[in-house]
Amino acid sequence: MIVFDHVSKVYPNGTVGLDDVNLTIQDGEFVAIIGRSGAGKSTLLRAVNRMHRITSGTLTVNGTDVSTLSGKVLRQFRRGIGMVFQSFNLVTRTTVIKNVLSACVPDMPFWRVLLGA
């Protein structure tokens, strides 16, 4: 479950990305986020995996307060979230499956990565 409780995001230049958002997304629920350019869609999604730090409010994912995560714990948390970016951030010289599986590489022993085992 993802819960936004009075979440706001104000950028350093004063631009408001999110303004007092209250939203609960249940496990298994399918949600579409639509809106015009600059409405805060990407900010909302990036807040979930803490690519954008919220300014106020509470954001929890499966009971975990996202704002408290850092370092290794944050990296492990992000591995559990699937996200395709607007610019994709994919390696164009490889297959889709290899792009997806590359997220597992940090958890594999170095020798397995080298040998492709």
PDB file of N, CA and C in Angstrom:
ATOM      1  N   MET A   1       0.841  -1.172   0.000  1.00  0.00           N
ATOM      2  CA  MET A   1       0.000   0.000   0.000  1.00  0.00           C
ATOM      3  C   MET A   1       0.893   1.245   0.000  1.00  0.00           C
ATOM      4  N   ILE A   2       0.489   2.232  -0.756  1.00  0.00           N
ATOM      5  CA  ILE A   2       1.198   3.510  -0.807  1.00  0.00           C
ATOM      6  C   ILE A   2       0.261   4.576  -0.245  1.00  0.00           C
ATOM      7  N   VAL A   3       0.747   5.319   0.741  1.00  0.00           N
ATOM      8  CA  VAL A   3      -0.088   6.340   1.383  1.00  0.00           C
ATOM      9  C   VAL A   3       0.630   7.692   1.377  1.00  0.00           C
ATOM     10  N   PHE A   4       0.013   8.667   0.726  1.00  0.00           N
ATOM     11  CA  PHE A   4       0.448  10.059   0.781  1.00  0.00           C
ATOM     12  C   PHE A   4      -0.456  10.744   1.791  1.00  0.00           C
ATOM     13  N   ASP A   5       0.111  11.277   2.858  1.00  0.00           N
ATOM     14  CA  ASP A   5      -0.674  11.935   3.903  1.00  0.00           C
ATOM     15  C   ASP A   5      -0.210  13.385   4.030  1.00  0.00           C
ATOM     16  N   HIS A   6      -0.974  14.297   3.434  1.00  0.00           N
ATOM     17  CA  HIS A   6      -0.654  15.732   3.440  1.00  0.00           C
ATOM     18  C   HIS A   6       0.758  15.991   2.902  1.00  0.00           C
ATOM     19  N   VAL A   7       1.090  15.342   1.788  1.00  0.00           N
ATOM     20  CA  VAL A   7       2.430  15.458   1.200  1.00  0.00           C
ATOM     21  C   VAL A   7       2.532  16.702   0.327  1.00  0.00           C
ATOM     22  N   SER A   8       3.598  17.453   0.556  1.00  0.00           N
ATOM     23  CA  SER A   8       3.913  18.615  -0.274  1.00  0.00           C
ATOM     24  C   SER A   8       5.373  18.543  -0.688  1.00  0.00           C
ATOM     25  N   LYS A   9       5.656  19.124  -1.851  1.00  0.00           N
ATOM     26  CA  LYS A   9       7.029  19.232  -2.335  1.00  0.00           C
ATOM     27  C   LYS A   9       7.184  20.615  -2.933  1.00  0.00           C
ATOM     28  N   VAL A  10       8.094  21.388  -2.354  1.00  0.00           N
ATOM     29  CA  VAL A  10       8.411  22.713  -2.870  1.00  0.00           C
ATOM     30  C   VAL A  10       9.881  22.695  -3.254  1.00  0.00           C
ATOM     31  N   TYR A  11      10.166  23.030  -4.501  1.00  0.00           N
ATOM     32  CA  TYR A  11      11.543  23.040  -4.991  1.00  0.00           C
ATOM     33  C   TYR A  11      12.280  24.270  -4.467  1.00  0.00           C
ATOM     34  N   PRO A  12      13.617  24.235  -4.462  1.00  0.00           N
ATOM     35  CA  PRO A  12      14.399  25.365  -3.937  1.00  0.00           C
ATOM     36  C   PRO A  12      14.067  26.718  -4.570  1.00  0.00           C
ATOM     37  N   ASN A  13      13.627  26.710  -5.840  1.00  0.00           N
ATOM     38  CA  ASN A  13      13.291  27.986  -6.491  1.00  0.00           C
ATOM     39  C   ASN A  13      11.880  28.473  -6.144  1.00  0.00           C
ATOM     40  N   GLY A  14      11.181  27.728  -5.267  1.00  0.00           N
ATOM     41  CA  GLY A  14       9.846  28.126  -4.840  1.00  0.00           C
ATOM     42  C   GLY A  14       8.702  27.477  -5.598  1.00  0.00           C
ATOM     43  N   THR A  15       9.020  26.755  -6.658  1.00  0.00           N
ATOM     44  CA  THR A  15       7.987  26.072  -7.430  1.00  0.00           C
ATOM     45  C   THR A  15       7.349  24.965  -6.596  1.00  0.00           C
ATOM     46  N   VAL A  16       6.034  24.938  -6.577  1.00  0.00           N
ATOM     47  CA  VAL A  16       5.305  23.904  -5.836  1.00  0.00           C
ATOM     48  C   VAL A  16       5.073  22.720  -6.769  1.00  0.00           C
ATOM     49  N   GLY A  17       5.651  21.576  -6.407  1.00  0.00           N
ATOM     50  CA  GLY A  17       5.481  20.355  -7.202  1.00  0.00           C
ATOM     51  C   GLY A  17       4.280  19.549  -6.744  1.00  0.00           C
ATOM     52  N   LEU A  18       4.082  19.485  -5.436  1.00  0.00           N
ATOM     53  CA  LEU A  18       2.933  18.797  -4.842  1.00  0.00           C
ATOM     54  C   LEU A  18       2.400  19.679  -3.727  1.00  0.00           C
ATOM     55  N   ASP A  19       1.089  19.767  -3.614  1.00  0.00           N
ATOM     56  CA  ASP A  19       0.490  20.642  -2.609  1.00  0.00           C
ATOM     57  C   ASP A  19      -0.556  19.884  -1.796  1.00  0.00           C
ATOM     58  N   ASP A  20      -0.173  19.444  -0.607  1.00  0.00           N
ATOM     59  CA  ASP A  20      -1.082  18.792   0.340  1.00  0.00           C
ATOM     60  C   ASP A  20      -1.820  17.603  -0.286  1.00  0.00           C
ATOM     61  N   VAL A  21      -1.045  16.665  -0.834  1.00  0.00           N
ATOM     62  CA  VAL A  21      -1.615  15.485  -1.495  1.00  0.00           C
ATOM     63  C   VAL A  21      -2.008  14.440  -0.459  1.00  0.00           C
ATOM     64  N   ASN A  22      -3.237  13.970  -0.557  1.00  0.00           N
ATOM     65  CA  ASN A  22      -3.746  12.865   0.254  1.00  0.00           C
ATOM     66  C   ASN A  22      -4.223  11.792  -0.712  1.00  0.00           C
ATOM     67  N   LEU A  23      -3.565  10.637  -0.681  1.00  0.00           N
ATOM     68  CA  LEU A  23      -3.867   9.576  -1.636  1.00  0.00           C
ATOM     69  C   LEU A  23      -3.481   8.243  -1.023  1.00  0.00           C
ATOM     70  N   THR A  24      -4.359   7.262  -1.148  1.00  0.00           N
ATOM     71  CA  THR A  24      -4.049   5.904  -0.705  1.00  0.00           C
ATOM     72  C   THR A  24      -4.237   4.966  -1.884  1.00  0.00           C
ATOM     73  N   ILE A  25      -3.198   4.192  -2.177  1.00  0.00           N
ATOM     74  CA  ILE A  25      -3.250   3.194  -3.242  1.00  0.00           C
ATOM     75  C   ILE A  25      -3.111   1.830  -2.581  1.00  0.00           C
ATOM     76  N   GLN A  26      -4.153   1.028  -2.685  1.00  0.00           N
ATOM     77  CA  GLN A  26      -4.173  -0.291  -2.059  1.00  0.00           C
ATOM     78  C   GLN A  26      -3.322  -1.285  -2.856  1.00  0.00           C
ATOM     79  N   ASP A  27      -2.847  -2.337  -2.191  1.00  0.00           N
ATOM     80  CA  ASP A  27      -2.131  -3.411  -2.874  1.00  0.00           C
ATOM     81  C   ASP A  27      -3.002  -3.968  -3.996  1.00  0.00           C
ATOM     82  N   GLY A  28      -2.418  -4.134  -5.171  1.00  0.00           N
ATOM     83  CA  GLY A  28      -3.133  -4.701  -6.305  1.00  0.00           C
ATOM     84  C   GLY A  28      -4.008  -3.725  -7.064  1.00  0.00           C
ATOM     85  N   GLU A  29      -4.130  -2.523  -6.573  1.00  0.00           N
ATOM     86  CA  GLU A  29      -4.962  -1.515  -7.233  1.00  0.00           C
ATOM     87  C   GLU A  29      -4.231  -0.959  -8.447  1.00  0.00           C
ATOM     88  N   PHE A  30      -4.942  -0.752  -9.536  1.00  0.00           N
ATOM     89  CA  PHE A  30      -4.389  -0.189 -10.762  1.00  0.00           C
ATOM     90  C   PHE A  30      -4.747   1.286 -10.801  1.00  0.00           C
ATOM     91  N   VAL A  31      -3.734   2.140 -10.923  1.00  0.00           N
ATOM     92  CA  VAL A  31      -3.952   3.586 -10.876  1.00  0.00           C
ATOM     93  C   VAL A  31      -3.297   4.240 -12.088  1.00  0.00           C
ATOM     94  N   ALA A  32      -4.002   5.155 -12.722  1.00  0.00           N
ATOM     95  CA  ALA A  32      -3.448   5.955 -13.813  1.00  0.00           C
ATOM     96  C   ALA A  32      -3.339   7.392 -13.322  1.00  0.00           C
ATOM     97  N   ILE A  33      -2.186   7.996 -13.561  1.00  0.00           N
ATOM     98  CA  ILE A  33      -1.965   9.388 -13.162  1.00  0.00           C
ATOM     99  C   ILE A  33      -1.924  10.217 -14.437  1.00  0.00           C
ATOM    100  N   ILE A  34      -2.884  11.107 -14.588  1.00  0.00           N
ATOM    101  CA  ILE A  34      -2.959  11.927 -15.791  1.00  0.00           C
ATOM    102  C   ILE A  34      -3.000  13.401 -15.406  1.00  0.00           C
ATOM    103  N   GLY A  35      -2.573  14.230 -16.328  1.00  0.00           N
ATOM    104  CA  GLY A  35      -2.591  15.668 -16.087  1.00  0.00           C
ATOM    105  C   GLY A  35      -1.699  16.371 -17.090  1.00  0.00           C
ATOM    106  N   ARG A  36      -1.838  17.666 -17.147  1.00  0.00           N
ATOM    107  CA  ARG A  36      -1.038  18.423 -18.102  1.00  0.00           C
ATOM    108  C   ARG A  36       0.406  18.546 -17.625  1.00  0.00           C
ATOM    109  N   SER A  37       1.254  19.008 -18.500  1.00  0.00           N
ATOM    110  CA  SER A  37       2.666  19.196 -18.191  1.00  0.00           C
ATOM    111  C   SER A  37       2.823  20.140 -17.004  1.00  0.00           C
ATOM    112  N   GLY A  38       3.641  19.736 -16.046  1.00  0.00           N
ATOM    113  CA  GLY A  38       3.886  20.571 -14.878  1.00  0.00           C
ATOM    114  C   GLY A  38       2.900  20.376 -13.743  1.00  0.00           C
ATOM    115  N   ALA A  39       1.969  19.433 -13.899  1.00  0.00           N
ATOM    116  CA  ALA A  39       0.942  19.222 -12.871  1.00  0.00           C
ATOM    117  C   ALA A  39       1.469  18.485 -11.641  1.00  0.00           C
ATOM    118  N   GLY A  40       2.636  17.826 -11.761  1.00  0.00           N
ATOM    119  CA  GLY A  40       3.212  17.126 -10.617  1.00  0.00           C
ATOM    120  C   GLY A  40       3.208  15.610 -10.718  1.00  0.00           C
ATOM    121  N   LYS A  41       2.871  15.081 -11.895  1.00  0.00           N
ATOM    122  CA  LYS A  41       2.811  13.625 -12.070  1.00  0.00           C
ATOM    123  C   LYS A  41       4.163  12.971 -11.802  1.00  0.00           C
ATOM    124  N   SER A  42       5.198  13.460 -12.435  1.00  0.00           N
ATOM    125  CA  SER A  42       6.536  12.882 -12.249  1.00  0.00           C
ATOM    126  C   SER A  42       7.033  13.099 -10.828  1.00  0.00           C
ATOM    127  N   THR A  43       6.744  14.245 -10.255  1.00  0.00           N
ATOM    128  CA  THR A  43       7.145  14.522  -8.872  1.00  0.00           C
ATOM    129  C   THR A  43       6.492  13.522  -7.931  1.00  0.00           C
ATOM    130  N   LEU A  44       5.221  13.232  -8.151  1.00  0.00           N
ATOM    131  CA  LEU A  44       4.497  12.259  -7.333  1.00  0.00           C
ATOM    132  C   LEU A  44       5.164  10.886  -7.411  1.00  0.00           C
ATOM    133  N   LEU A  45       5.462  10.442  -8.627  1.00  0.00           N
ATOM    134  CA  LEU A  45       6.085   9.131  -8.805  1.00  0.00           C
ATOM    135  C   LEU A  45       7.503   9.091  -8.241  1.00  0.00           C
ATOM    136  N   ARG A  46       8.260  10.144  -8.466  1.00  0.00           N
ATOM    137  CA  ARG A  46       9.638  10.173  -7.965  1.00  0.00           C
ATOM    138  C   ARG A  46       9.695  10.274  -6.445  1.00  0.00           C
ATOM    139  N   ALA A  47       8.661  10.786  -5.836  1.00  0.00           N
ATOM    140  CA  ALA A  47       8.615  10.832  -4.371  1.00  0.00           C
ATOM    141  C   ALA A  47       8.492   9.427  -3.789  1.00  0.00           C
ATOM    142  N   VAL A  48       7.807   8.536  -4.502  1.00  0.00           N
ATOM    143  CA  VAL A  48       7.594   7.175  -3.997  1.00  0.00           C
ATOM    144  C   VAL A  48       8.916   6.452  -3.766  1.00  0.00           C
ATOM    145  N   ASN A  49       9.876   6.602  -4.683  1.00  0.00           N
ATOM    146  CA  ASN A  49      11.168   5.940  -4.475  1.00  0.00           C
ATOM    147  C   ASN A  49      12.243   6.903  -3.971  1.00  0.00           C
ATOM    148  N   ARG A  50      11.809   8.027  -3.486  1.00  0.00           N
ATOM    149  CA  ARG A  50      12.623   9.086  -2.880  1.00  0.00           C
ATOM    150  C   ARG A  50      13.693   9.654  -3.797  1.00  0.00           C
ATOM    151  N   MET A  51      13.375   9.701  -5.081  1.00  0.00           N
ATOM    152  CA  MET A  51      14.243  10.442  -5.990  1.00  0.00           C
ATOM    153  C   MET A  51      14.029  11.932  -5.756  1.00  0.00           C
ATOM    154  N   HIS A  52      12.839  12.288  -5.268  1.00  0.00           N
ATOM    155  CA  HIS A  52      12.546  13.643  -4.808  1.00  0.00           C
ATOM    156  C   HIS A  52      12.157  13.543  -3.345  1.00  0.00           C
ATOM    157  N   ARG A  53      12.814  14.311  -2.524  1.00  0.00           N
ATOM    158  CA  ARG A  53      12.502  14.339  -1.095  1.00  0.00           C
ATOM    159  C   ARG A  53      11.309  15.265  -0.871  1.00  0.00           C
ATOM    160  N   ILE A  54      10.300  14.771  -0.153  1.00  0.00           N
ATOM    161  CA  ILE A  54       9.123  15.602   0.099  1.00  0.00           C
ATOM    162  C   ILE A  54       9.466  16.694   1.111  1.00  0.00           C
ATOM    163  N   THR A  55       8.755  17.808   1.012  1.00  0.00           N
ATOM    164  CA  THR A  55       8.980  18.943   1.900  1.00  0.00           C
ATOM    165  C   THR A  55       8.221  18.786   3.209  1.00  0.00           C
ATOM    166  N   SER A  56       6.998  18.257   3.122  1.00  0.00           N
ATOM    167  CA  SER A  56       6.198  18.050   4.332  1.00  0.00           C
ATOM    168  C   SER A  56       5.217  16.913   4.110  1.00  0.00           C
ATOM    169  N   GLY A  57       4.659  16.432   5.204  1.00  0.00           N
ATOM    170  CA  GLY A  57       3.723  15.324   5.152  1.00  0.00           C
ATOM    171  C   GLY A  57       4.432  13.999   5.363  1.00  0.00           C
ATOM    172  N   THR A  58       3.685  12.925   5.171  1.00  0.00           N
ATOM    173  CA  THR A  58       4.216  11.578   5.355  1.00  0.00           C
ATOM    174  C   THR A  58       3.892  10.737   4.132  1.00  0.00           C
ATOM    175  N   LEU A  59       4.891  10.016   3.659  1.00  0.00           N
ATOM    176  CA  LEU A  59       4.722   9.105   2.530  1.00  0.00           C
ATOM    177  C   LEU A  59       5.189   7.728   2.967  1.00  0.00           C
ATOM    178  N   THR A  60       4.275   6.766   2.987  1.00  0.00           N
ATOM    179  CA  THR A  60       4.644   5.410   3.392  1.00  0.00           C
ATOM    180  C   THR A  60       4.355   4.432   2.263  1.00  0.00           C
ATOM    181  N   VAL A  61       5.260   3.477   2.115  1.00  0.00           N
ATOM    182  CA  VAL A  61       5.107   2.393   1.150  1.00  0.00           C
ATOM    183  C   VAL A  61       5.193   1.093   1.931  1.00  0.00           C
ATOM    184  N   ASN A  62       4.110   0.348   1.937  1.00  0.00           N
ATOM    185  CA  ASN A  62       4.026  -0.900   2.708  1.00  0.00           C
ATOM    186  C   ASN A  62       4.458  -0.697   4.156  1.00  0.00           C
ATOM    187  N   GLY A  63       4.035   0.408   4.740  1.00  0.00           N
ATOM    188  CA  GLY A  63       4.313   0.693   6.142  1.00  0.00           C
ATOM    189  C   GLY A  63       5.654   1.340   6.424  1.00  0.00           C
ATOM    190  N   THR A  64       6.487   1.520   5.401  1.00  0.00           N
ATOM    191  CA  THR A  64       7.801   2.137   5.575  1.00  0.00           C
ATOM    192  C   THR A  64       7.733   3.623   5.251  1.00  0.00           C
ATOM    193  N   ASP A  65       8.166   4.451   6.184  1.00  0.00           N
ATOM    194  CA  ASP A  65       8.225   5.899   5.963  1.00  0.00           C
ATOM    195  C   ASP A  65       9.402   6.176   5.034  1.00  0.00           C
ATOM    196  N   VAL A  66       9.102   6.514   3.795  1.00  0.00           N
ATOM    197  CA  VAL A  66      10.118   6.694   2.763  1.00  0.00           C
ATOM    198  C   VAL A  66      11.113   7.795   3.129  1.00  0.00           C
ATOM    199  N   SER A  67      10.669   8.832   3.830  1.00  0.00           N
ATOM    200  CA  SER A  67      11.542   9.969   4.143  1.00  0.00           C
ATOM    201  C   SER A  67      12.668   9.608   5.103  1.00  0.00           C
ATOM    202  N   THR A  68      12.560   8.483   5.795  1.00  0.00           N
ATOM    203  CA  THR A  68      13.600   8.092   6.755  1.00  0.00           C
ATOM    204  C   THR A  68      14.693   7.242   6.127  1.00  0.00           C
ATOM    205  N   LEU A  69      14.523   6.828   4.876  1.00  0.00           N
ATOM    206  CA  LEU A  69      15.473   5.909   4.246  1.00  0.00           C
ATOM    207  C   LEU A  69      16.693   6.640   3.707  1.00  0.00           C
ATOM    208  N   SER A  70      17.851   5.990   3.833  1.00  0.00           N
ATOM    209  CA  SER A  70      19.076   6.537   3.254  1.00  0.00           C
ATOM    210  C   SER A  70      20.073   5.405   3.044  1.00  0.00           C
ATOM    211  N   GLY A  71      21.106   5.700   2.271  1.00  0.00           N
ATOM    212  CA  GLY A  71      22.197   4.765   2.065  1.00  0.00           C
ATOM    213  C   GLY A  71      21.759   3.411   1.539  1.00  0.00           C
ATOM    214  N   LYS A  72      22.317   2.373   2.147  1.00  0.00           N
ATOM    215  CA  LYS A  72      22.072   1.002   1.704  1.00  0.00           C
ATOM    216  C   LYS A  72      20.598   0.618   1.817  1.00  0.00           C
ATOM    217  N   VAL A  73      19.948   1.055   2.879  1.00  0.00           N
ATOM    218  CA  VAL A  73      18.528   0.731   3.081  1.00  0.00           C
ATOM    219  C   VAL A  73      17.682   1.340   1.962  1.00  0.00           C
ATOM    220  N   LEU A  74      18.004   2.566   1.561  1.00  0.00           N
ATOM    221  CA  LEU A  74      17.278   3.215   0.470  1.00  0.00           C
ATOM    222  C   LEU A  74      17.514   2.471  -0.840  1.00  0.00           C
ATOM    223  N   ARG A  75      18.752   2.064  -1.113  1.00  0.00           N
ATOM    224  CA  ARG A  75      19.051   1.316  -2.338  1.00  0.00           C
ATOM    225  C   ARG A  75      18.289  -0.006  -2.374  1.00  0.00           C
ATOM    226  N   GLN A  76      18.241  -0.706  -1.250  1.00  0.00           N
ATOM    227  CA  GLN A  76      17.494  -1.966  -1.187  1.00  0.00           C
ATOM    228  C   GLN A  76      15.998  -1.722  -1.393  1.00  0.00           C
ATOM    229  N   PHE A  77      15.485  -0.672  -0.806  1.00  0.00           N
ATOM    230  CA  PHE A  77      14.076  -0.312  -0.960  1.00  0.00           C
ATOM    231  C   PHE A  77      13.749  -0.055  -2.431  1.00  0.00           C
ATOM    232  N   ARG A  78      14.609   0.697  -3.123  1.00  0.00           N
ATOM    233  CA  ARG A  78      14.376   1.037  -4.526  1.00  0.00           C
ATOM    234  C   ARG A  78      14.375  -0.191  -5.425  1.00  0.00           C
ATOM    235  N   ARG A  79      15.134  -1.212  -5.063  1.00  0.00           N
ATOM    236  CA  ARG A  79      15.160  -2.433  -5.876  1.00  0.00           C
ATOM    237  C   ARG A  79      13.813  -3.136  -5.890  1.00  0.00           C
ATOM    238  N   GLY A  80      12.979  -2.864  -4.911  1.00  0.00           N
ATOM    239  CA  GLY A  80      11.659  -3.480  -4.853  1.00  0.00           C
ATOM    240  C   GLY A  80      10.590  -2.712  -5.607  1.00  0.00           C
ATOM    241  N   ILE A  81      10.989  -1.614  -6.250  1.00  0.00           N
ATOM    242  CA  ILE A  81      10.037  -0.771  -6.979  1.00  0.00           C
ATOM    243  C   ILE A  81      10.407  -0.776  -8.458  1.00  0.00           C
ATOM    244  N   GLY A  82       9.455  -1.142  -9.310  1.00  0.00           N
ATOM    245  CA  GLY A  82       9.684  -1.099 -10.751  1.00  0.00           C
ATOM    246  C   GLY A  82       9.264   0.252 -11.290  1.00  0.00           C
ATOM    247  N   MET A  83      10.149   0.867 -12.060  1.00  0.00           N
ATOM    248  CA  MET A  83       9.842   2.199 -12.577  1.00  0.00           C
ATOM    249  C   MET A  83      10.493   2.368 -13.942  1.00  0.00           C
ATOM    250  N   VAL A  84       9.711   2.769 -14.938  1.00  0.00           N
ATOM    251  CA  VAL A  84      10.246   3.085 -16.257  1.00  0.00           C
ATOM    252  C   VAL A  84      10.171   4.598 -16.392  1.00  0.00           C
ATOM    253  N   PHE A  85      11.312   5.216 -16.628  1.00  0.00           N
ATOM    254  CA  PHE A  85      11.405   6.675 -16.671  1.00  0.00           C
ATOM    255  C   PHE A  85      10.964   7.217 -18.028  1.00  0.00           C
ATOM    256  N   GLN A  86      10.636   8.494 -18.060  1.00  0.00           N
ATOM    257  CA  GLN A  86      10.240   9.128 -19.313  1.00  0.00           C
ATOM    258  C   GLN A  86      11.340   9.000 -20.357  1.00  0.00           C
ATOM    259  N   SER A  87      12.592   9.135 -19.930  1.00  0.00           N
ATOM    260  CA  SER A  87      13.709   9.001 -20.867  1.00  0.00           C
ATOM    261  C   SER A  87      14.240   7.574 -20.873  1.00  0.00           C
ATOM    262  N   PHE A  88      13.539   6.674 -20.208  1.00  0.00           N
ATOM    263  CA  PHE A  88      13.772   5.238 -20.142  1.00  0.00           C
ATOM    264  C   PHE A  88      15.018   4.826 -19.370  1.00  0.00           C
ATOM    265  N   ASN A  89      16.167   5.490 -19.516  1.00  0.00           N
ATOM    266  CA  ASN A  89      17.405   5.108 -18.839  1.00  0.00           C
ATOM    267  C   ASN A  89      17.770   3.654 -19.109  1.00  0.00           C
ATOM    268  N   LEU A  90      17.537   3.190 -20.319  1.00  0.00           N
ATOM    269  CA  LEU A  90      17.855   1.826 -20.704  1.00  0.00           C
ATOM    270  C   LEU A  90      19.108   1.811 -21.565  1.00  0.00           C
ATOM    271  N   VAL A  91      19.790   0.671 -21.578  1.00  0.00           N
ATOM    272  CA  VAL A  91      20.950   0.489 -22.443  1.00  0.00           C
ATOM    273  C   VAL A  91      20.418   0.053 -23.800  1.00  0.00           C
ATOM    274  N   THR A  92      20.636   0.862 -24.825  1.00  0.00           N
ATOM    275  CA  THR A  92      20.041   0.590 -26.138  1.00  0.00           C
ATOM    276  C   THR A  92      20.709  -0.564 -26.872  1.00  0.00           C
ATOM    277  N   ARG A  93      21.917  -0.941 -26.466  1.00  0.00           N
ATOM    278  CA  ARG A  93      22.640  -1.991 -27.166  1.00  0.00           C
ATOM    279  C   ARG A  93      22.350  -3.386 -26.621  1.00  0.00           C
ATOM    280  N   THR A  94      21.360  -3.518 -25.784  1.00  0.00           N
ATOM    281  CA  THR A  94      21.054  -4.825 -25.212  1.00  0.00           C
ATOM    282  C   THR A  94      19.547  -5.078 -25.251  1.00  0.00           C
ATOM    283  N   THR A  95      19.159  -6.262 -24.841  1.00  0.00           N
ATOM    284  CA  THR A  95      17.751  -6.650 -24.902  1.00  0.00           C
ATOM    285  C   THR A  95      16.963  -6.084 -23.724  1.00  0.00           C
ATOM    286  N   VAL A  96      15.655  -6.119 -23.844  1.00  0.00           N
ATOM    287  CA  VAL A  96      14.779  -5.658 -22.767  1.00  0.00           C
ATOM    288  C   VAL A  96      15.016  -6.485 -21.512  1.00  0.00           C
ATOM    289  N   ILE A  97      15.087  -7.810 -21.668  1.00  0.00           N
ATOM    290  CA  ILE A  97      15.255  -8.676 -20.496  1.00  0.00           C
ATOM    291  C   ILE A  97      16.577  -8.396 -19.785  1.00  0.00           C
ATOM    292  N   LYS A  98      17.640  -8.126 -20.540  1.00  0.00           N
ATOM    293  CA  LYS A  98      18.928  -7.810 -19.904  1.00  0.00           C
ATOM    294  C   LYS A  98      18.860  -6.470 -19.175  1.00  0.00           C
ATOM    295  N   ASN A  99      18.125  -5.517 -19.722  1.00  0.00           N
ATOM    296  CA  ASN A  99      17.939  -4.240 -19.028  1.00  0.00           C
ATOM    297  C   ASN A  99      17.217  -4.449 -17.703  1.00  0.00           C
ATOM    298  N   VAL A 100      16.188  -5.281 -17.714  1.00  0.00           N
ATOM    299  CA  VAL A 100      15.425  -5.541 -16.492  1.00  0.00           C
ATOM    300  C   VAL A 100      16.276  -6.301 -15.484  1.00  0.00           C
ATOM    301  N   LEU A 101      16.987  -7.332 -15.949  1.00  0.00           N
ATOM    302  CA  LEU A 101      17.792  -8.153 -15.045  1.00  0.00           C
ATOM    303  C   LEU A 101      19.007  -7.415 -14.494  1.00  0.00           C
ATOM    304  N   SER A 102      19.425  -6.354 -15.150  1.00  0.00           N
ATOM    305  CA  SER A 102      20.600  -5.613 -14.675  1.00  0.00           C
ATOM    306  C   SER A 102      20.382  -5.033 -13.285  1.00  0.00           C
ATOM    307  N   ALA A 103      19.135  -4.874 -12.876  1.00  0.00           N
ATOM    308  CA  ALA A 103      18.846  -4.385 -11.523  1.00  0.00           C
ATOM    309  C   ALA A 103      19.290  -5.377 -10.464  1.00  0.00           C
ATOM    310  N   CYS A 104      19.454  -6.656 -10.843  1.00  0.00           N
ATOM    311  CA  CYS A 104      19.872  -7.695  -9.891  1.00  0.00           C
ATOM    312  C   CYS A 104      21.379  -7.732  -9.698  1.00  0.00           C
ATOM    313  N   VAL A 105      22.124  -7.135 -10.606  1.00  0.00           N
ATOM    314  CA  VAL A 105      23.587  -7.224 -10.567  1.00  0.00           C
ATOM    315  C   VAL A 105      24.190  -6.807  -9.231  1.00  0.00           C
ATOM    316  N   PRO A 106      23.750  -5.720  -8.575  1.00  0.00           N
ATOM    317  CA  PRO A 106      24.375  -5.344  -7.306  1.00  0.00           C
ATOM    318  C   PRO A 106      24.270  -6.419  -6.224  1.00  0.00           C
ATOM    319  N   ASP A 107      23.291  -7.303  -6.324  1.00  0.00           N
ATOM    320  CA  ASP A 107      23.112  -8.350  -5.325  1.00  0.00           C
ATOM    321  C   ASP A 107      23.871  -9.627  -5.652  1.00  0.00           C
ATOM    322  N   MET A 108      24.469  -9.690  -6.836  1.00  0.00           N
ATOM    323  CA  MET A 108      25.160 -10.911  -7.251  1.00  0.00           C
ATOM    324  C   MET A 108      26.643 -10.828  -6.927  1.00  0.00           C
ATOM    325  N   PRO A 109      27.267 -11.973  -6.613  1.00  0.00           N
ATOM    326  CA  PRO A 109      28.717 -11.980  -6.417  1.00  0.00           C
ATOM    327  C   PRO A 109      29.422 -11.552  -7.706  1.00  0.00           C
ATOM    328  N   PHE A 110      30.558 -10.887  -7.554  1.00  0.00           N
ATOM    329  CA  PHE A 110      31.297 -10.355  -8.692  1.00  0.00           C
ATOM    330  C   PHE A 110      31.606 -11.431  -9.729  1.00  0.00           C
ATOM    331  N   TRP A 111      31.998 -12.637  -9.280  1.00  0.00           N
ATOM    332  CA  TRP A 111      32.363 -13.703 -10.219  1.00  0.00           C
ATOM    333  C   TRP A 111      31.169 -14.136 -11.064  1.00  0.00           C
ATOM    334  N   ARG A 112      29.965 -14.113 -10.496  1.00  0.00           N
ATOM    335  CA  ARG A 112      28.773 -14.498 -11.261  1.00  0.00           C
ATOM    336  C   ARG A 112      28.462 -13.458 -12.331  1.00  0.00           C
ATOM    337  N   VAL A 113      28.681 -12.190 -12.001  1.00  0.00           N
ATOM    338  CA  VAL A 113      28.447 -11.130 -12.979  1.00  0.00           C
ATOM    339  C   VAL A 113      29.415 -11.283 -14.140  1.00  0.00           C
ATOM    340  N   LEU A 114      30.695 -11.522 -13.828  1.00  0.00           N
ATOM    341  CA  LEU A 114      31.715 -11.680 -14.868  1.00  0.00           C
ATOM    342  C   LEU A 114      31.443 -12.874 -15.773  1.00  0.00           C
ATOM    343  N   LEU A 115      31.044 -13.990 -15.174  1.00  0.00           N
ATOM    344  CA  LEU A 115      30.825 -15.217 -15.937  1.00  0.00           C
ATOM    345  C   LEU A 115      29.426 -15.313 -16.527  1.00  0.00           C
ATOM    346  N   GLY A 116      28.559 -14.430 -16.110  1.00  0.00           N
ATOM    347  CA  GLY A 116      27.186 -14.488 -16.588  1.00  0.00           C
ATOM    348  C   GLY A 116      26.449 -15.699 -16.055  1.00  0.00           C
ATOM    349  N   ALA A 117      26.897 -16.179 -14.896  1.00  0.00           N
ATOM    350  CA  ALA A 117      26.307 -17.404 -14.318  1.00  0.00           C
ATOM    351  C   ALA A 117      25.105 -17.086 -13.464  1.00  0.00           C
TER     352      ALA A 117
END
